[in-house]
Every structure is written in structure tokens, then in C-alpha cells.
Amino acid sequence: MDSSAAAVSPAFMLSVDVEPDWGAQAAPGAPQAGLDEGLPWLLETLERHGARATFFVVGELAEAFARRCPPGGAHEVGAHGLTHRRLSWLGEAELDEELSGARARLEGVGFRVEGFRAPFFDAPPDLGARLARAGYRYDASAGGLLPSAANRPHAPRAPARGAGDVTRLSGDALRLLRAPANLTWLRLLDPCGLPLLPARPRHFLLHLHELVPAASGLATLPWPLSRLHARGSGLRARELLDCVLRRARDAGQAFVTGRELAAAAAGA
């Protein structure tokens, strides 16, 4: 689909954060159930629904992701930091390395990288300018992990001419709660989550490890979080995502990538 179609269709962006399972280490040889088990199922499901996704991949997982989802396919790949560290915790040089290093690592295995999402939605105030200097075209870091007005959807915002910034893409929110429209909140609120999803959401997010029951790394979380995040992971998460994709398809929404939305905004 070209950018002009993305501009006029009831567009739906599905984005997938590809990171170490539940915050576990991305060291060589570390188990990555999300990649090994969740990604093959997701790719098959997307093909069955005629859907495309934008995968925001941690740079350290570039090679492992490329082996399972080779460059040149239907899906887009953006960056999710080099090591999945919170950007606000980093010094100037480390922060820039997280941005430029992630893009270099992913492009080194053959992906065309234009988009970025900050780990944990932790976006420093000058992130847009830093992304532009690192060669990115858009930022999908708007929103948050908890219910907030920051999750309110808005049209893509292109930078002013000569601003040295990038296009900003928003997330989306569940109705009433302003919780982010993502698989985590659908699982936590199940069976009430799906009715709270907008009839035609603009953007829906998930993590690969949610699609796997008891994925490695879940036990490394503090006890309350590990118990909470285990709720609905695996089979139920897959059922919920399948419902989201089927609803979008049946509503006539066009599956678009972040690149297409950013290009449409820039040409508006």
C-alpha cells in the first residue's frame, strides 16, 4: 500500500516490540522464547489475516530476528534501542549510541530502518532531534505503560520544515480508562478488555514474549509483577490478538506500517 492510501483509509498500525523475554538478558545463547515460539506463530497469523506489522527490534537481537523474519518481506522493522535500557538513565554519549548503534546493527543485517520506539516509552525531551541526527524519519514513543492522557491518539505530526526533528506517531487508548491499547491491558482486563477497545483503533501494540506461556525471564521479575504478567499470557494472548486482527479486517481497516504513516504525514 502506498502512502496516499494510508492517508485516506481507516488505517490500523500493529506494532510489535521485540526485546529480551520479560527483561532477561540478550546475551548470546540466552533463551528467547518470544523469538523462538512467539514470532513463528505471529508471522503465520499475520499472513492468515492479510496483515502487516511494524517490529521495533532491540539492536542486540538483530541477527536472531533476521534469521526468523528475513529482510525484504511484507513487514517493517524499526529500532527499539541497542540494549533496551531506559534512555533517561544514560549519559549523552551512551544515549546517542543506543540510537545510532541500534540502527547500524539492524541495517547491518539488511533491514531498512526509519522508525524508533523508546524502551519503556522513556523518551527524553530532545529525542526527536537526536533521532533526526541518527538518520531516523519517525518516532513511535508517544504514550506510556499506565493509564494516562498521554495515550490519547492523534494524527501523525510531521516536523516543521527545517526543524531538524522527526514525525511523531501516537499510540491509542482503551475507551473510558485511557489505558494503552495493547495486548498487556487486554490480558489484564480480560474478559472486559476487548469491549473497551475502540471500534477502529489506530494503533495496537504487543510484545512477542506475551504470546508464550511462562516465557524465560518472567521469573526474574519481582513476585507481584511476575504474577500479574503471567495472567493471560500464551494461549489466551494469542486468542485476544487474533480477535483484534479479525475485528480490524472485518471493519475494513487498512493494515499500514509506521513508515507509511510517517510518509503520508510528510506529504500532507
Protein backbone atom coordinates (compact mmCIF):
# COMPACT_ATOMS: atom_id res chain seq x y z
CA MET A 1 0.00 0.00 0.00
CA ASP A 2 1.33 3.44 -0.87
CA SER A 3 1.39 6.42 1.45
CA SER A 4 -1.57 8.13 -0.25
CA ALA A 5 -3.76 5.12 0.51
CA ALA A 6 -2.58 5.16 4.11
CA ALA A 7 -3.65 8.80 4.36
CA VAL A 8 -7.30 8.20 3.35
CA SER A 9 -8.01 4.70 4.69
CA PRO A 10 -9.16 3.90 8.24
CA ALA A 11 -5.58 2.86 8.90
CA PHE A 12 -4.56 0.36 11.58
CA MET A 13 -0.95 0.05 12.71
CA LEU A 14 0.08 -3.10 14.55
CA SER A 15 3.42 -2.69 16.28
CA VAL A 16 5.44 -5.40 17.99
CA ASP A 17 8.24 -4.76 20.47
CA VAL A 18 10.98 -7.37 20.04
CA GLU A 19 13.10 -7.40 23.18
CA PRO A 20 14.58 -9.93 25.64
CA ASP A 21 11.88 -12.02 27.29
CA TRP A 22 10.42 -10.01 30.18
CA GLY A 23 13.62 -8.04 30.64
CA ALA A 24 16.00 -11.02 30.67
CA GLN A 25 19.47 -10.64 29.21
CA ALA A 26 20.04 -10.66 25.43
CA ALA A 27 23.39 -12.41 25.86
CA PRO A 28 24.42 -14.96 23.21
CA GLY A 29 22.80 -18.29 23.96
CA ALA A 30 20.22 -16.82 26.35
CA PRO A 31 16.73 -18.33 25.89
CA GLN A 32 14.44 -16.16 23.78
CA ALA A 33 11.05 -17.85 23.79
CA GLY A 34 9.41 -14.81 22.23
CA LEU A 35 11.58 -15.14 19.15
CA ASP A 36 11.66 -18.94 19.05
CA GLU A 37 7.99 -19.64 19.72
CA GLY A 38 6.02 -16.41 19.58
CA LEU A 39 7.38 -14.98 16.33
CA PRO A 40 6.65 -18.01 14.08
CA TRP A 41 3.05 -18.10 15.32
CA LEU A 42 2.67 -14.36 14.85
CA LEU A 43 4.02 -14.38 11.30
CA GLU A 44 1.65 -17.18 10.33
CA THR A 45 -1.28 -15.37 11.94
CA LEU A 46 -0.48 -12.09 10.18
CA GLU A 47 -0.33 -13.89 6.84
CA ARG A 48 -3.68 -15.57 7.52
CA HIS A 49 -5.32 -12.20 8.19
CA GLY A 50 -3.56 -10.44 5.30
CA ALA A 51 -1.99 -8.13 7.89
CA ARG A 52 1.36 -6.40 8.19
CA ALA A 53 3.20 -5.26 11.28
CA THR A 54 5.97 -2.91 12.31
CA PHE A 55 8.51 -4.68 14.50
CA PHE A 56 10.59 -2.48 16.81
CA VAL A 57 13.63 -4.66 17.43
CA VAL A 58 16.36 -4.29 20.05
CA GLY A 59 19.66 -3.98 18.17
CA GLU A 60 21.30 -6.80 20.11
CA LEU A 61 18.64 -9.17 18.74
CA ALA A 62 19.08 -8.10 15.10
CA GLU A 63 20.74 -11.28 13.88
CA ALA A 64 18.36 -13.60 15.75
CA PHE A 65 15.33 -11.72 14.43
CA ALA A 66 16.64 -11.69 10.85
CA ARG A 67 17.07 -15.47 10.87
CA ARG A 68 13.36 -15.87 11.65
CA CYS A 69 11.97 -12.90 9.71
CA PRO A 70 14.38 -12.16 6.83
CA PRO A 71 14.70 -8.66 5.35
CA GLY A 72 12.68 -7.88 2.25
CA GLY A 73 9.36 -9.25 3.48
CA ALA A 74 6.00 -7.60 3.97
CA HIS A 75 6.73 -6.25 7.44
CA GLU A 76 8.65 -3.17 8.55
CA VAL A 77 11.49 -3.18 11.07
CA GLY A 78 12.30 -0.23 13.30
CA ALA A 79 14.67 0.11 16.26
CA HIS A 80 13.91 -0.32 19.96
CA GLY A 81 17.28 0.79 21.28
CA LEU A 82 20.54 -1.11 21.14
CA THR A 83 20.30 -2.78 24.57
CA HIS A 84 16.75 -1.94 25.77
CA ARG A 85 17.96 0.38 28.53
CA ARG A 86 15.92 3.36 29.69
CA LEU A 87 17.16 6.35 27.71
CA SER A 88 16.73 8.82 30.57
CA TRP A 89 19.23 6.83 32.63
CA LEU A 90 22.02 7.28 30.08
CA GLY A 91 24.68 9.91 29.55
CA GLU A 92 24.88 11.90 26.32
CA ALA A 93 27.29 9.55 24.52
CA GLU A 94 25.52 6.38 25.66
CA LEU A 95 22.15 7.74 24.59
CA ASP A 96 23.38 8.54 21.08
CA GLU A 97 24.97 5.09 20.86
CA GLU A 98 21.64 3.47 21.77
CA LEU A 99 20.08 5.27 18.79
CA SER A 100 22.79 5.06 16.15
CA GLY A 101 24.05 1.65 17.27
CA ALA A 102 20.61 0.07 17.06
CA ARG A 103 20.04 1.38 13.56
CA ALA A 104 23.50 0.29 12.39
CA ARG A 105 23.05 -3.20 13.82
CA LEU A 106 19.68 -3.71 12.15
CA GLU A 107 20.74 -2.23 8.83
CA GLY A 108 23.86 -4.39 9.01
CA VAL A 109 21.68 -7.50 8.62
CA GLY A 110 19.71 -5.99 5.74
CA PHE A 111 16.75 -4.10 7.21
CA ARG A 112 15.79 -0.58 6.15
CA VAL A 113 15.30 1.28 9.42
CA GLU A 114 13.39 4.57 9.59
CA GLY A 115 11.41 4.32 12.85
CA PHE A 116 12.21 4.17 16.54
CA ARG A 117 10.41 3.41 19.79
CA ALA A 118 12.00 4.23 23.14
CA PRO A 119 12.21 1.32 25.59
CA PHE A 120 9.51 1.67 28.26
CA PHE A 121 8.28 4.78 26.36
CA ASP A 122 11.01 6.63 28.24
CA ALA A 123 11.60 9.45 25.74
CA PRO A 124 13.91 12.37 26.67
CA PRO A 125 12.62 15.82 25.61
CA ASP A 126 15.21 16.13 22.83
CA LEU A 127 14.70 12.62 21.46
CA GLY A 128 13.24 13.84 18.15
CA ALA A 129 16.28 15.95 17.32
CA ARG A 130 18.64 13.13 18.31
CA LEU A 131 16.73 10.67 16.15
CA ALA A 132 16.90 13.01 13.17
CA ARG A 133 20.69 13.29 13.58
CA ALA A 134 20.89 9.49 13.74
CA GLY A 135 19.04 9.16 10.43
CA TYR A 136 15.55 8.19 11.60
CA ARG A 137 12.38 9.58 9.99
CA TYR A 138 9.79 8.94 12.69
CA ASP A 139 9.35 8.28 16.40
CA ALA A 140 6.67 5.96 17.87
CA SER A 141 7.50 6.65 21.54
CA ALA A 142 4.33 8.56 22.43
CA GLY A 143 2.17 7.05 25.15
CA GLY A 144 3.00 5.13 28.29
CA LEU A 145 2.71 1.92 30.24
CA LEU A 146 -0.11 3.06 32.56
CA PRO A 147 -3.49 4.76 32.09
CA SER A 148 -2.79 8.35 31.15
CA ALA A 149 -3.84 11.19 28.87
CA ALA A 150 -0.54 10.54 27.07
CA ASN A 151 -2.19 7.51 25.44
CA ARG A 152 -4.73 9.69 23.62
CA PRO A 153 -4.45 9.06 19.86
CA HIS A 154 -3.69 11.84 17.42
CA ALA A 155 -2.85 12.13 13.75
CA PRO A 156 0.84 11.75 12.81
CA ARG A 157 2.67 15.00 13.45
CA ALA A 158 5.26 15.94 10.86
CA PRO A 159 8.00 18.38 11.92
CA ALA A 160 8.02 21.93 10.67
CA ARG A 161 10.23 22.45 7.63
CA GLY A 162 13.82 22.87 8.74
CA ALA A 163 13.02 21.92 12.35
CA GLY A 164 15.60 19.11 12.44
CA ASP A 165 13.07 16.76 14.01
CA VAL A 166 11.13 13.62 13.06
CA THR A 167 7.47 12.74 12.52
CA ARG A 168 5.71 11.69 15.72
CA LEU A 169 3.29 8.75 15.72
CA SER A 170 0.89 8.26 18.61
CA GLY A 171 -0.37 5.19 20.36
CA ASP A 172 -4.03 4.60 21.14
CA ALA A 173 -6.14 4.14 24.27
CA LEU A 174 -8.90 1.90 25.52
CA ARG A 175 -12.27 3.59 25.92
CA LEU A 176 -13.06 5.06 29.33
CA LEU A 177 -9.84 4.09 31.10
CA ARG A 178 -7.24 5.82 28.92
CA ALA A 179 -5.17 2.67 29.36
CA PRO A 180 -2.89 2.00 26.40
CA ALA A 181 -4.44 -0.07 23.64
CA ASN A 182 -2.09 -3.01 23.85
CA LEU A 183 -2.12 -6.74 24.46
CA THR A 184 -0.92 -6.33 28.03
CA TRP A 185 -4.00 -4.38 29.09
CA LEU A 186 -6.35 -6.66 27.16
CA ARG A 187 -4.89 -9.59 29.09
CA LEU A 188 -5.01 -7.86 32.47
CA LEU A 189 -8.62 -6.70 31.98
CA ASP A 190 -9.86 -9.90 30.33
CA PRO A 191 -12.75 -10.54 29.74
CA CYS A 192 -13.56 -6.80 29.83
CA GLY A 193 -10.60 -5.62 27.72
CA LEU A 194 -11.89 -6.32 24.22
CA PRO A 195 -15.16 -4.37 24.70
CA LEU A 196 -13.05 -1.35 25.74
CA LEU A 197 -11.00 -1.43 22.54
CA PRO A 198 -12.10 1.30 20.08
CA ALA A 199 -14.16 0.02 17.17
CA ARG A 200 -11.43 1.16 14.79
CA PRO A 201 -8.22 1.56 16.78
CA ARG A 202 -5.40 3.44 15.10
CA HIS A 203 -2.57 1.60 16.79
CA PHE A 204 -2.26 -1.63 18.78
CA LEU A 205 0.91 -2.84 20.46
CA LEU A 206 2.22 -6.14 21.79
CA HIS A 207 5.42 -7.87 22.92
CA LEU A 208 6.49 -11.19 21.46
CA HIS A 209 7.00 -12.80 24.86
CA GLU A 210 3.35 -12.24 25.76
CA LEU A 211 2.48 -14.90 23.19
CA VAL A 212 4.41 -17.56 25.10
CA PRO A 213 3.27 -19.02 28.46
CA ALA A 214 5.91 -18.65 31.20
CA ALA A 215 8.49 -17.24 28.79
CA SER A 216 12.04 -17.18 30.11
CA GLY A 217 12.68 -14.06 32.12
CA LEU A 218 9.20 -13.92 33.67
CA ALA A 219 10.59 -15.42 36.87
CA THR A 220 13.24 -12.69 37.03
CA LEU A 221 10.58 -10.04 37.67
CA PRO A 222 9.63 -9.14 41.25
CA TRP A 223 6.95 -11.50 42.56
CA PRO A 224 3.94 -9.16 42.20
CA LEU A 225 4.90 -8.29 38.61
CA SER A 226 5.65 -11.87 37.60
CA ARG A 227 2.28 -13.00 38.95
CA LEU A 228 0.50 -10.11 37.24
CA HIS A 229 2.16 -10.53 33.84
CA ALA A 230 1.56 -14.26 33.80
CA ARG A 231 -2.16 -13.52 33.56
CA GLY A 232 -3.45 -14.43 30.13
CA SER A 233 -0.04 -14.93 28.54
CA GLY A 234 0.38 -17.64 25.96
CA LEU A 235 -2.79 -19.18 24.52
CA ARG A 236 -5.22 -16.51 25.77
CA ALA A 237 -2.94 -13.74 24.49
CA ARG A 238 -2.96 -15.38 21.08
CA GLU A 239 -6.75 -15.63 21.11
CA LEU A 240 -7.09 -11.96 22.04
CA LEU A 241 -4.69 -10.83 19.33
CA ASP A 242 -6.50 -12.96 16.77
CA CYS A 243 -9.74 -11.20 17.75
CA VAL A 244 -8.12 -7.77 17.36
CA LEU A 245 -6.83 -8.60 13.89
CA ARG A 246 -10.12 -10.12 12.77
CA ARG A 247 -12.07 -7.09 14.01
CA ALA A 248 -9.78 -4.69 12.16
CA ARG A 249 -10.05 -6.71 8.97
CA ASP A 250 -13.83 -7.05 9.21
CA ALA A 251 -14.16 -3.29 9.88
CA GLY A 252 -12.39 -2.60 6.59
CA GLN A 253 -9.31 -1.10 8.20
CA ALA A 254 -6.14 -0.96 6.15
CA PHE A 255 -3.09 -2.53 7.79
CA VAL A 256 -0.30 0.01 7.45
CA THR A 257 3.25 0.36 8.72
CA GLY A 258 4.81 3.18 10.65
CA ARG A 259 6.85 4.09 7.59
CA GLU A 260 3.66 4.57 5.55
CA LEU A 261 2.00 6.71 8.20
CA ALA A 262 5.11 8.91 8.50
CA ALA A 263 5.38 9.26 4.73
CA ALA A 264 1.70 10.22 4.46
CA ALA A 265 2.12 12.88 7.17
CA ALA A 266 5.20 14.31 5.48
CA GLY A 267 3.35 14.59 2.17
CA ALA A 268 0.21 16.15 3.63
